[in-house]
N, C-alpha and C. Protein backbone atom coordinates (compact mmCIF):
# COMPACT_ATOMS: atom_id res chain seq x y z
N MET A 1 65.19 25.61 32.58
CA MET A 1 66.51 25.23 32.57
C MET A 1 66.69 24.01 31.81
N SER A 2 67.68 23.77 31.06
CA SER A 2 67.86 22.48 30.32
C SER A 2 69.17 21.72 30.79
N PHE A 3 69.23 20.61 30.78
CA PHE A 3 70.38 19.72 31.36
C PHE A 3 71.04 18.99 30.19
N SER A 4 72.60 18.76 30.45
CA SER A 4 73.37 18.14 29.59
C SER A 4 73.46 16.55 29.99
N LYS A 5 74.18 15.78 29.18
CA LYS A 5 74.35 14.57 29.47
C LYS A 5 75.02 14.21 30.80
N ASP A 6 76.06 15.16 31.08
CA ASP A 6 76.64 15.19 32.28
C ASP A 6 75.88 15.46 33.56
N ASP A 7 75.01 16.38 33.46
CA ASP A 7 73.85 16.69 34.55
C ASP A 7 73.16 15.43 34.62
N LEU A 8 72.65 14.72 33.65
CA LEU A 8 71.83 13.69 34.03
C LEU A 8 72.53 12.55 34.54
N ILE A 9 73.69 12.22 34.13
CA ILE A 9 74.45 11.23 34.87
C ILE A 9 74.79 11.47 36.33
N ALA A 10 75.14 12.65 36.66
CA ALA A 10 75.39 13.37 38.11
C ALA A 10 74.05 12.94 38.91
N PHE A 11 72.88 13.34 38.05
CA PHE A 11 71.61 13.06 39.01
C PHE A 11 71.23 11.67 39.19
N LEU A 12 71.64 10.92 38.09
CA LEU A 12 71.47 9.26 38.39
C LEU A 12 72.25 8.77 39.42
N LYS A 13 73.56 9.27 39.47
CA LYS A 13 74.41 8.85 40.49
C LYS A 13 73.88 9.29 41.98
N SER A 14 73.39 10.52 41.98
CA SER A 14 72.75 10.85 43.31
C SER A 14 71.55 10.09 43.65
N ILE A 15 70.72 9.68 42.65
CA ILE A 15 69.57 8.79 42.83
C ILE A 15 70.28 7.52 43.51
N ASP A 16 71.06 7.11 42.79
CA ASP A 16 71.65 5.61 43.10
C ASP A 16 72.48 5.59 44.45
N ASP A 17 73.00 6.79 44.88
CA ASP A 17 73.44 6.94 46.19
C ASP A 17 72.48 7.10 47.30
N GLU A 18 71.35 7.49 46.98
CA GLU A 18 70.07 7.79 47.82
C GLU A 18 69.42 6.37 48.22
N LEU A 19 69.39 5.53 47.24
CA LEU A 19 68.66 4.18 47.40
C LEU A 19 69.37 3.30 48.30
N ARG A 20 68.69 2.50 49.03
CA ARG A 20 69.13 1.63 49.95
C ARG A 20 68.40 0.21 49.70
N LEU A 21 69.02 -0.61 48.73
CA LEU A 21 68.35 -1.68 48.31
C LEU A 21 69.09 -3.07 48.55
N ASP A 22 68.50 -4.06 48.60
CA ASP A 22 69.08 -5.46 48.82
C ASP A 22 69.67 -5.95 47.49
N LYS A 23 68.97 -5.56 46.40
CA LYS A 23 69.46 -5.71 44.99
C LYS A 23 69.10 -4.69 44.12
N PRO A 24 69.84 -4.53 42.91
CA PRO A 24 69.70 -3.38 42.06
C PRO A 24 68.26 -3.44 41.51
N CYS A 25 67.55 -2.29 41.26
CA CYS A 25 66.37 -2.25 40.51
C CYS A 25 66.63 -1.82 39.10
N THR A 26 65.76 -2.06 38.27
CA THR A 26 65.91 -1.79 36.81
C THR A 26 64.90 -0.64 36.43
N ILE A 27 65.45 0.37 35.75
CA ILE A 27 64.68 1.48 35.39
C ILE A 27 64.65 1.70 33.64
N TYR A 28 63.70 2.21 33.11
CA TYR A 28 63.80 2.26 31.58
C TYR A 28 63.50 3.77 31.32
N LEU A 29 64.46 4.35 30.69
CA LEU A 29 64.45 5.76 30.33
C LEU A 29 63.71 5.96 28.89
N MET A 30 62.83 6.94 28.72
CA MET A 30 62.43 7.30 27.47
C MET A 30 62.70 8.82 27.34
N GLY A 31 62.09 9.25 26.15
CA GLY A 31 62.14 10.81 25.86
C GLY A 31 63.44 11.28 25.84
N GLY A 32 63.52 12.56 25.88
CA GLY A 32 64.79 13.40 25.77
C GLY A 32 66.09 12.70 26.30
N SER A 33 65.80 12.31 27.60
CA SER A 33 66.98 11.72 28.38
C SER A 33 67.54 10.41 27.84
N ALA A 34 66.79 9.63 27.22
CA ALA A 34 67.30 8.44 26.55
C ALA A 34 68.01 8.85 25.29
N LEU A 35 67.46 9.78 24.53
CA LEU A 35 68.04 10.32 23.44
C LEU A 35 69.51 10.88 23.49
N LEU A 36 69.54 11.63 24.63
CA LEU A 36 70.78 12.29 25.10
C LEU A 36 71.80 11.45 25.64
N LEU A 37 71.48 10.44 26.56
CA LEU A 37 72.42 9.76 27.17
C LEU A 37 72.78 8.55 26.28
N TYR A 38 72.04 7.99 25.52
CA TYR A 38 72.34 6.67 24.89
C TYR A 38 72.68 7.10 23.47
N TYR A 39 71.90 7.88 22.82
CA TYR A 39 71.97 7.99 21.35
C TYR A 39 72.76 9.13 20.90
N GLY A 40 72.98 10.11 21.87
CA GLY A 40 73.98 11.03 21.41
C GLY A 40 73.34 12.32 20.85
N SER A 41 71.98 12.48 21.13
CA SER A 41 71.32 13.70 20.61
C SER A 41 72.01 14.97 21.17
N PRO A 42 72.02 16.00 20.16
CA PRO A 42 72.56 17.30 20.66
C PRO A 42 71.63 18.10 21.45
N ARG A 43 70.46 17.65 21.57
CA ARG A 43 69.46 18.45 22.40
C ARG A 43 69.53 18.26 23.96
N SER A 44 69.22 19.27 24.64
CA SER A 44 69.12 18.92 26.24
C SER A 44 67.71 18.59 26.54
N THR A 45 67.59 18.37 27.72
CA THR A 45 66.27 18.01 28.47
C THR A 45 66.04 18.59 29.75
N ILE A 46 64.81 18.63 30.13
CA ILE A 46 64.27 19.28 31.37
C ILE A 46 64.18 18.14 32.57
N ASP A 47 64.12 16.93 32.03
CA ASP A 47 63.85 15.89 33.06
C ASP A 47 64.29 14.49 32.57
N ILE A 48 64.07 13.57 33.44
CA ILE A 48 64.26 12.18 33.14
C ILE A 48 63.19 11.55 33.28
N ASP A 49 62.50 10.94 32.00
CA ASP A 49 61.14 10.41 31.78
C ASP A 49 61.40 8.78 32.09
N LEU A 50 60.84 8.15 32.87
CA LEU A 50 60.75 6.80 32.98
C LEU A 50 59.51 6.09 32.78
N ILE A 51 59.62 4.67 32.25
CA ILE A 51 58.44 3.95 31.93
C ILE A 51 57.93 3.58 33.30
N SER A 52 56.61 3.63 33.44
CA SER A 52 55.92 3.49 34.63
C SER A 52 55.96 1.96 35.04
N THR A 53 56.76 1.86 36.11
CA THR A 53 56.93 0.64 36.87
C THR A 53 56.99 0.81 38.31
N ALA A 54 56.96 -0.09 39.23
CA ALA A 54 56.92 0.14 40.77
C ALA A 54 58.24 0.72 41.07
N GLU A 55 59.34 0.42 40.44
CA GLU A 55 60.68 1.02 40.77
C GLU A 55 60.67 2.43 40.44
N ALA A 56 60.25 2.80 39.24
CA ALA A 56 60.07 4.09 38.70
C ALA A 56 59.38 5.08 39.64
N LYS A 57 58.29 4.48 40.16
CA LYS A 57 57.43 5.38 41.03
C LYS A 57 58.16 5.57 42.37
N ASN A 58 58.98 4.58 42.81
CA ASN A 58 59.72 4.61 44.04
C ASN A 58 60.89 5.74 43.77
N ILE A 59 61.50 5.65 42.72
CA ILE A 59 62.53 6.63 42.44
C ILE A 59 61.86 7.97 42.21
N ARG A 60 60.72 8.32 41.58
CA ARG A 60 59.94 9.59 41.56
C ARG A 60 59.89 10.13 42.97
N ALA A 61 59.53 9.14 43.90
CA ALA A 61 59.32 9.68 45.31
C ALA A 61 60.32 10.43 45.77
N ILE A 62 61.62 9.95 45.53
CA ILE A 62 62.84 10.68 46.00
C ILE A 62 63.48 11.67 45.20
N ALA A 63 63.12 11.61 43.89
CA ALA A 63 63.71 12.53 42.96
C ALA A 63 62.88 13.16 42.02
N GLY A 64 61.57 13.25 42.27
CA GLY A 64 60.58 13.89 41.64
C GLY A 64 60.62 15.29 41.69
N ARG A 65 59.68 16.03 40.95
CA ARG A 65 59.64 17.52 40.98
C ARG A 65 59.58 18.06 42.38
N ASN A 66 60.48 19.05 42.69
CA ASN A 66 60.40 19.81 43.98
C ASN A 66 61.01 18.84 45.09
N SER A 67 61.52 17.64 44.86
CA SER A 67 62.27 16.78 45.76
C SER A 67 63.54 17.34 46.19
N LYS A 68 64.09 16.88 47.35
CA LYS A 68 65.43 17.52 47.85
C LYS A 68 66.51 17.14 46.88
N LEU A 69 66.30 16.02 46.18
CA LEU A 69 67.43 15.78 45.12
C LEU A 69 67.26 16.76 43.92
N SER A 70 66.17 16.91 43.57
CA SER A 70 65.88 17.83 42.47
C SER A 70 66.42 19.11 42.58
N LYS A 71 66.09 19.63 43.95
CA LYS A 71 66.70 20.97 44.21
C LYS A 71 68.17 20.91 44.35
N GLU A 72 68.80 19.83 44.71
CA GLU A 72 70.33 19.74 44.71
C GLU A 72 70.83 19.85 43.25
N HIS A 73 69.89 19.43 42.22
CA HIS A 73 70.47 19.29 40.95
C HIS A 73 69.82 20.39 40.02
N ASN A 74 69.55 21.66 40.61
CA ASN A 74 69.10 22.76 39.74
C ASN A 74 67.71 22.54 39.06
N GLY A 75 66.85 21.68 39.68
CA GLY A 75 65.61 21.57 39.22
C GLY A 75 65.34 20.16 38.30
N LEU A 76 66.47 19.43 37.96
CA LEU A 76 66.31 18.35 37.22
C LEU A 76 65.60 17.40 38.09
N TYR A 77 64.62 16.52 37.54
CA TYR A 77 63.54 15.74 38.13
C TYR A 77 63.46 14.50 37.36
N VAL A 78 62.66 13.63 38.03
CA VAL A 78 62.19 12.29 37.44
C VAL A 78 60.81 12.42 37.12
N ASP A 79 60.19 12.10 36.04
CA ASP A 79 58.91 12.12 35.79
C ASP A 79 58.61 10.66 35.37
N VAL A 80 57.45 10.30 35.71
CA VAL A 80 56.94 8.95 35.36
C VAL A 80 55.56 8.96 34.71
N PRO A 81 55.30 9.34 33.45
CA PRO A 81 54.15 9.47 32.85
C PRO A 81 53.16 8.37 33.06
N ALA A 82 51.97 8.67 33.35
CA ALA A 82 50.98 7.51 33.55
C ALA A 82 50.94 6.61 32.35
N ASP A 83 50.63 5.47 32.73
CA ASP A 83 50.34 4.37 31.71
C ASP A 83 49.29 4.75 30.82
N GLY A 84 49.39 4.50 29.55
CA GLY A 84 48.42 4.84 28.56
C GLY A 84 48.49 6.32 28.00
N MET A 85 49.62 6.98 28.57
CA MET A 85 49.92 8.29 27.97
C MET A 85 50.86 8.31 26.69
N TYR A 86 51.50 7.20 26.57
CA TYR A 86 52.33 6.96 25.51
C TYR A 86 52.29 5.44 24.91
N LEU A 87 52.61 5.29 23.71
CA LEU A 87 52.57 4.18 23.04
C LEU A 87 53.95 3.51 23.08
N ILE A 88 54.02 2.24 23.52
CA ILE A 88 55.21 1.45 23.52
C ILE A 88 55.06 -0.06 23.18
N SER A 89 56.19 -0.52 22.72
CA SER A 89 56.14 -1.81 22.15
C SER A 89 55.86 -2.85 23.37
N PRO A 90 55.07 -3.75 23.31
CA PRO A 90 54.84 -4.79 24.41
C PRO A 90 56.05 -5.43 24.82
N ASP A 91 57.02 -5.59 24.00
CA ASP A 91 58.33 -6.17 24.50
C ASP A 91 59.33 -5.22 24.70
N PHE A 92 58.99 -3.94 25.24
CA PHE A 92 59.99 -2.88 25.46
C PHE A 92 61.18 -3.42 26.34
N ALA A 93 60.89 -4.08 27.22
CA ALA A 93 61.97 -4.48 28.27
C ALA A 93 63.09 -5.42 27.50
N GLU A 94 62.65 -6.28 26.63
CA GLU A 94 63.53 -7.12 26.06
C GLU A 94 64.29 -6.47 25.12
N GLU A 95 63.72 -5.50 24.31
CA GLU A 95 64.43 -4.69 23.43
C GLU A 95 65.26 -3.49 23.92
N ALA A 96 65.14 -3.18 25.20
CA ALA A 96 65.82 -2.11 25.64
C ALA A 96 67.34 -2.22 25.71
N CYS A 97 68.07 -1.02 25.84
CA CYS A 97 69.59 -1.08 25.72
C CYS A 97 70.04 -0.65 26.88
N GLU A 98 71.15 -1.30 27.54
CA GLU A 98 71.43 -0.92 28.89
C GLU A 98 72.54 0.27 28.55
N LEU A 99 72.57 1.18 29.69
CA LEU A 99 73.30 2.26 29.67
C LEU A 99 74.61 1.85 30.38
N LYS A 100 75.76 2.19 29.73
CA LYS A 100 77.02 1.69 30.15
C LYS A 100 77.66 2.58 31.27
N GLU A 101 76.88 2.85 32.32
CA GLU A 101 77.41 3.58 33.47
C GLU A 101 77.35 2.67 34.64
N SER A 102 78.15 2.95 35.63
CA SER A 102 78.38 2.14 36.73
C SER A 102 77.53 2.62 37.83
N PHE A 103 76.53 2.00 38.19
CA PHE A 103 75.65 2.23 39.42
C PHE A 103 75.68 1.04 40.42
N LYS A 104 75.34 1.34 41.60
CA LYS A 104 75.37 0.07 42.69
C LYS A 104 73.77 -0.20 42.76
N ASN A 105 72.92 0.51 42.67
CA ASN A 105 71.33 0.25 43.07
C ASN A 105 70.60 0.39 41.83
N ILE A 106 70.89 0.71 40.83
CA ILE A 106 69.89 0.89 39.62
C ILE A 106 70.69 0.20 38.40
N ARG A 107 69.96 -0.54 37.62
CA ARG A 107 70.39 -0.75 36.30
C ARG A 107 69.57 0.15 35.34
N VAL A 108 70.15 0.81 34.50
CA VAL A 108 69.58 1.85 33.82
C VAL A 108 69.46 1.47 32.23
N TYR A 109 68.25 1.30 31.70
CA TYR A 109 68.10 0.95 30.17
C TYR A 109 67.32 2.03 29.57
N VAL A 110 67.57 2.11 28.19
CA VAL A 110 66.77 3.12 27.30
C VAL A 110 66.04 2.33 26.40
N LEU A 111 64.86 2.89 26.09
CA LEU A 111 64.15 2.36 24.89
C LEU A 111 64.97 2.10 23.70
N ASP A 112 64.75 1.01 22.89
CA ASP A 112 65.48 0.87 21.51
C ASP A 112 64.88 2.05 20.76
N PRO A 113 65.45 2.23 19.64
CA PRO A 113 64.99 3.53 18.82
C PRO A 113 63.51 3.48 18.38
N TYR A 114 62.98 2.19 17.87
CA TYR A 114 61.74 2.10 17.37
C TYR A 114 60.69 2.28 18.44
N THR A 115 60.99 1.81 19.59
CA THR A 115 60.01 2.04 20.83
C THR A 115 60.03 3.47 21.20
N LEU A 116 61.23 4.02 21.19
CA LEU A 116 61.41 5.54 21.58
C LEU A 116 60.59 6.35 20.47
N ILE A 117 60.62 5.93 19.35
CA ILE A 117 59.72 6.83 18.43
C ILE A 117 58.26 6.49 18.60
N LEU A 118 57.95 5.21 18.78
CA LEU A 118 56.47 4.88 19.15
C LEU A 118 56.08 5.73 20.39
N SER A 119 56.86 5.86 21.43
CA SER A 119 56.41 6.55 22.78
C SER A 119 56.28 8.20 22.33
N LYS A 120 56.80 8.68 21.31
CA LYS A 120 56.72 10.03 20.87
C LYS A 120 55.48 10.35 20.28
N ILE A 121 54.93 9.32 19.60
CA ILE A 121 53.67 9.46 18.72
C ILE A 121 52.49 10.09 19.30
N SER A 122 52.31 9.76 20.51
CA SER A 122 50.93 10.32 21.23
C SER A 122 51.06 11.76 21.39
N ARG A 123 52.28 12.26 21.84
CA ARG A 123 52.37 13.68 21.88
C ARG A 123 52.57 14.50 20.55
N LEU A 124 53.63 14.12 19.94
CA LEU A 124 53.97 14.64 18.59
C LEU A 124 54.14 16.17 18.64
N GLU A 125 54.85 16.66 19.41
CA GLU A 125 55.27 18.16 19.33
C GLU A 125 56.46 18.30 18.43
N ASN A 126 56.84 19.61 18.17
CA ASN A 126 58.00 19.86 17.29
C ASN A 126 59.15 19.07 17.66
N LYS A 127 59.54 19.10 18.88
CA LYS A 127 60.65 18.38 19.47
C LYS A 127 60.59 16.92 19.10
N ASP A 128 59.44 16.41 19.17
CA ASP A 128 59.24 14.83 18.88
C ASP A 128 59.48 14.63 17.46
N PHE A 129 59.03 15.53 16.55
CA PHE A 129 59.48 15.32 15.10
C PHE A 129 61.02 15.42 15.02
N GLN A 130 61.56 16.33 15.66
CA GLN A 130 63.06 16.59 15.60
C GLN A 130 63.85 15.20 16.06
N ASP A 131 63.14 14.66 17.14
CA ASP A 131 63.83 13.55 17.94
C ASP A 131 63.68 12.27 16.89
N ILE A 132 62.56 12.10 16.28
CA ILE A 132 62.15 11.09 15.32
C ILE A 132 63.30 11.27 14.07
N GLU A 133 63.55 12.41 13.62
CA GLU A 133 64.26 12.55 12.41
C GLU A 133 65.72 12.35 12.90
N PHE A 134 66.14 12.79 13.95
CA PHE A 134 67.52 12.33 14.51
C PHE A 134 67.67 10.80 14.74
N LEU A 135 66.77 10.13 15.20
CA LEU A 135 66.89 8.68 15.37
C LEU A 135 67.06 8.15 13.80
N PHE A 136 66.29 8.33 13.03
CA PHE A 136 66.28 7.80 11.87
C PHE A 136 67.55 8.14 10.89
N SER A 137 67.99 9.33 11.17
CA SER A 137 69.38 9.70 10.40
C SER A 137 70.60 9.26 11.17
N THR A 138 70.39 8.74 12.34
CA THR A 138 71.72 8.34 13.04
C THR A 138 71.63 6.74 13.24
N GLN A 139 70.45 6.30 13.27
CA GLN A 139 70.48 4.79 13.79
C GLN A 139 70.06 3.65 12.53
N LYS A 140 69.93 4.24 11.15
CA LYS A 140 69.68 3.49 10.10
C LYS A 140 68.45 2.55 10.36
N LEU A 141 67.23 3.25 10.61
CA LEU A 141 66.17 2.63 10.90
C LEU A 141 65.34 2.40 9.64
N SER A 142 64.34 1.44 9.69
CA SER A 142 63.43 1.18 8.60
C SER A 142 61.95 1.60 8.94
N LEU A 143 61.56 2.24 7.80
CA LEU A 143 59.99 2.66 8.04
C LEU A 143 59.18 1.64 8.04
N ARG A 144 59.57 0.43 7.21
CA ARG A 144 58.72 -0.71 7.19
C ARG A 144 58.82 -1.46 8.60
N ILE A 145 59.88 -1.60 9.19
CA ILE A 145 60.06 -2.06 10.59
C ILE A 145 59.37 -1.17 11.74
N LEU A 146 59.37 -0.06 11.39
CA LEU A 146 58.63 0.99 12.46
C LEU A 146 57.12 0.78 12.29
N GLU A 147 56.70 0.49 11.07
CA GLU A 147 55.22 0.24 10.79
C GLU A 147 54.76 -1.18 11.46
N LYS A 148 55.56 -2.05 11.22
CA LYS A 148 55.35 -3.42 11.87
C LYS A 148 55.30 -3.34 13.39
N ARG A 149 56.27 -2.52 13.96
CA ARG A 149 56.27 -2.49 15.37
C ARG A 149 55.15 -1.67 15.90
N TYR A 150 54.67 -0.63 14.99
CA TYR A 150 53.59 0.08 15.49
C TYR A 150 52.44 -0.67 15.63
N LYS A 151 52.06 -1.64 14.47
CA LYS A 151 51.06 -2.45 14.44
C LYS A 151 50.90 -3.42 15.65
N GLU A 152 52.26 -3.94 16.07
CA GLU A 152 52.24 -4.80 17.17
C GLU A 152 51.78 -3.99 18.68
N ALA A 153 52.45 -2.64 18.61
CA ALA A 153 52.08 -2.06 19.71
C ALA A 153 50.69 -1.54 19.96
N ILE A 154 50.02 -1.09 18.80
CA ILE A 154 48.86 -0.48 18.77
C ILE A 154 47.74 -1.57 19.24
N THR A 155 47.92 -2.74 19.24
CA THR A 155 47.01 -3.84 19.73
C THR A 155 46.78 -3.67 21.28
N THR A 156 47.83 -3.12 21.93
CA THR A 156 47.63 -3.03 23.41
C THR A 156 47.33 -1.55 23.86
N PHE A 157 47.10 -0.79 22.88
CA PHE A 157 46.75 0.70 23.01
C PHE A 157 45.78 1.15 21.94
N SER A 158 44.64 1.62 22.29
CA SER A 158 43.55 1.89 21.38
C SER A 158 43.24 3.28 21.27
N GLU A 159 44.02 4.00 20.93
CA GLU A 159 43.91 5.69 20.82
C GLU A 159 43.80 5.92 19.26
N GLU A 160 42.64 6.29 18.87
CA GLU A 160 42.59 6.71 17.41
C GLU A 160 43.58 7.77 17.01
N ILE A 161 43.95 8.65 17.99
CA ILE A 161 44.82 9.75 17.58
C ILE A 161 46.23 9.26 17.16
N ASP A 162 46.44 8.22 17.76
CA ASP A 162 47.87 7.53 17.49
C ASP A 162 47.91 7.18 15.97
N ALA A 163 46.85 6.61 15.59
CA ALA A 163 46.73 6.14 14.14
C ALA A 163 47.08 7.35 13.18
N TYR A 164 46.29 8.46 13.53
CA TYR A 164 46.50 9.66 12.68
C TYR A 164 47.92 10.09 12.94
N HIS A 165 48.36 10.28 14.16
CA HIS A 165 49.73 10.78 14.31
C HIS A 165 50.93 9.76 13.57
N PHE A 166 50.62 8.53 13.73
CA PHE A 166 51.34 7.62 12.95
C PHE A 166 51.55 7.99 11.45
N GLU A 167 50.42 8.21 10.83
CA GLU A 167 50.31 8.52 9.55
C GLU A 167 51.09 9.76 9.30
N LEU A 168 51.06 10.81 10.02
CA LEU A 168 51.86 12.03 10.00
C LEU A 168 53.35 11.86 10.00
N VAL A 169 53.70 10.93 11.03
CA VAL A 169 55.21 10.45 11.19
C VAL A 169 55.64 9.83 9.86
N LYS A 170 54.85 8.84 9.34
CA LYS A 170 55.32 8.22 8.10
C LYS A 170 55.41 9.15 6.87
N LYS A 171 54.31 10.20 6.77
CA LYS A 171 54.60 11.15 5.74
C LYS A 171 55.98 11.95 5.97
N PHE A 172 56.11 12.48 7.22
CA PHE A 172 57.38 13.16 7.58
C PHE A 172 58.55 12.44 7.05
N LEU A 173 58.64 11.27 7.57
CA LEU A 173 59.93 10.47 7.34
C LEU A 173 60.17 10.22 5.75
N LYS A 174 58.85 9.87 5.16
CA LYS A 174 59.03 9.67 3.53
C LYS A 174 59.65 11.10 2.98
N GLU A 175 59.03 12.02 3.46
CA GLU A 175 59.42 13.32 2.83
C GLU A 175 61.08 13.67 3.08
N LYS A 176 61.46 13.25 4.32
CA LYS A 176 62.84 13.50 4.67
C LYS A 176 63.74 12.57 3.87
N MET A 177 63.26 11.36 3.84
CA MET A 177 64.07 10.24 3.04
C MET A 177 64.23 10.63 1.65
N SER A 178 63.33 11.11 1.06
CA SER A 178 63.26 11.41 -0.39
C SER A 178 64.25 12.61 -0.77
N LYS A 179 64.54 13.55 0.32
CA LYS A 179 65.49 14.61 0.11
C LYS A 179 66.81 14.22 0.20
N LYS A 180 67.22 12.96 0.53
CA LYS A 180 68.48 12.48 0.70
C LYS A 180 68.86 11.70 -0.62
């Protein structure tokens, strides 16, 4: 089952209601949920992916796959991919964009478009190419800046496959841009 923007907001509000905190915690969305909630992507998603932090892991404990909250929301769940499973900018928190929804216990941020693209490079499935193309076509991004951000990020992440995938992304984007 796939979920819409409204489904994601309702789920985040349920998570917010479930949390009992002295002060709000901060979470960082990546993947399809970030594209859908902040950038207006037309595609749906099956989960909410969070950058791995202590807060994210606590939220996964109450809203992860097969949790009570997940079952109440037709199987929508929070996933926290392990560190090292995705490439992100070392300054992702400073570059993140705040979601303009009202929550009591959570502050929700999404990755900036360049970091979101970097996070997709490790997996690079068809939907990742579609997401990268969507971000480039709607956010007026620069391939030169993406390459600079990649070089900054790769110093903290040493997977050779990402270098190969990045070259594929560059080739893909150059072909798409040359057709415009």
